[in-house]
Amino acid sequence: MSKVYDWFEERLEIQAIADDITSKYVP
């Protein structure tokens, strides 16, 4: 169960970073 949680947390971090990048480079 904690494996799923780790994966989910990692996904959220990646999503947040991706959103940050897109907000910087997309007008």
Protein backbone atom coordinates (compact mmCIF):
# COMPACT_ATOMS: atom_id res chain seq x y z
CA MET A 1 0.00 0.00 0.00
CA SER A 2 2.80 2.45 0.82
CA LYS A 3 4.29 1.71 -2.61
CA VAL A 4 1.16 3.08 -4.25
CA TYR A 5 1.30 6.13 -1.98
CA ASP A 6 4.95 6.78 -2.87
CA TRP A 7 4.11 6.52 -6.57
CA PHE A 8 1.15 8.86 -6.16
CA GLU A 9 3.21 11.44 -4.25
CA GLU A 10 5.89 11.27 -6.94
CA ARG A 11 3.25 11.82 -9.64
CA LEU A 12 1.97 14.92 -7.83
CA GLU A 13 5.49 16.35 -7.60
CA ILE A 14 6.12 15.73 -11.29
CA GLN A 15 2.77 17.31 -12.14
CA ALA A 16 3.59 20.38 -10.06
CA ILE A 17 6.98 20.76 -11.75
CA ALA A 18 5.42 20.30 -15.19
CA ASP A 19 2.79 22.94 -14.41
CA ASP A 20 5.51 25.32 -13.26
CA ILE A 21 7.48 24.81 -16.48
CA THR A 22 4.44 25.21 -18.72
CA SER A 23 3.32 28.36 -16.92
CA LYS A 24 6.78 29.84 -17.50
CA TYR A 25 7.10 28.96 -21.18
CA VAL A 26 3.50 29.21 -22.36
CA PRO A 27 2.32 32.80 -22.78
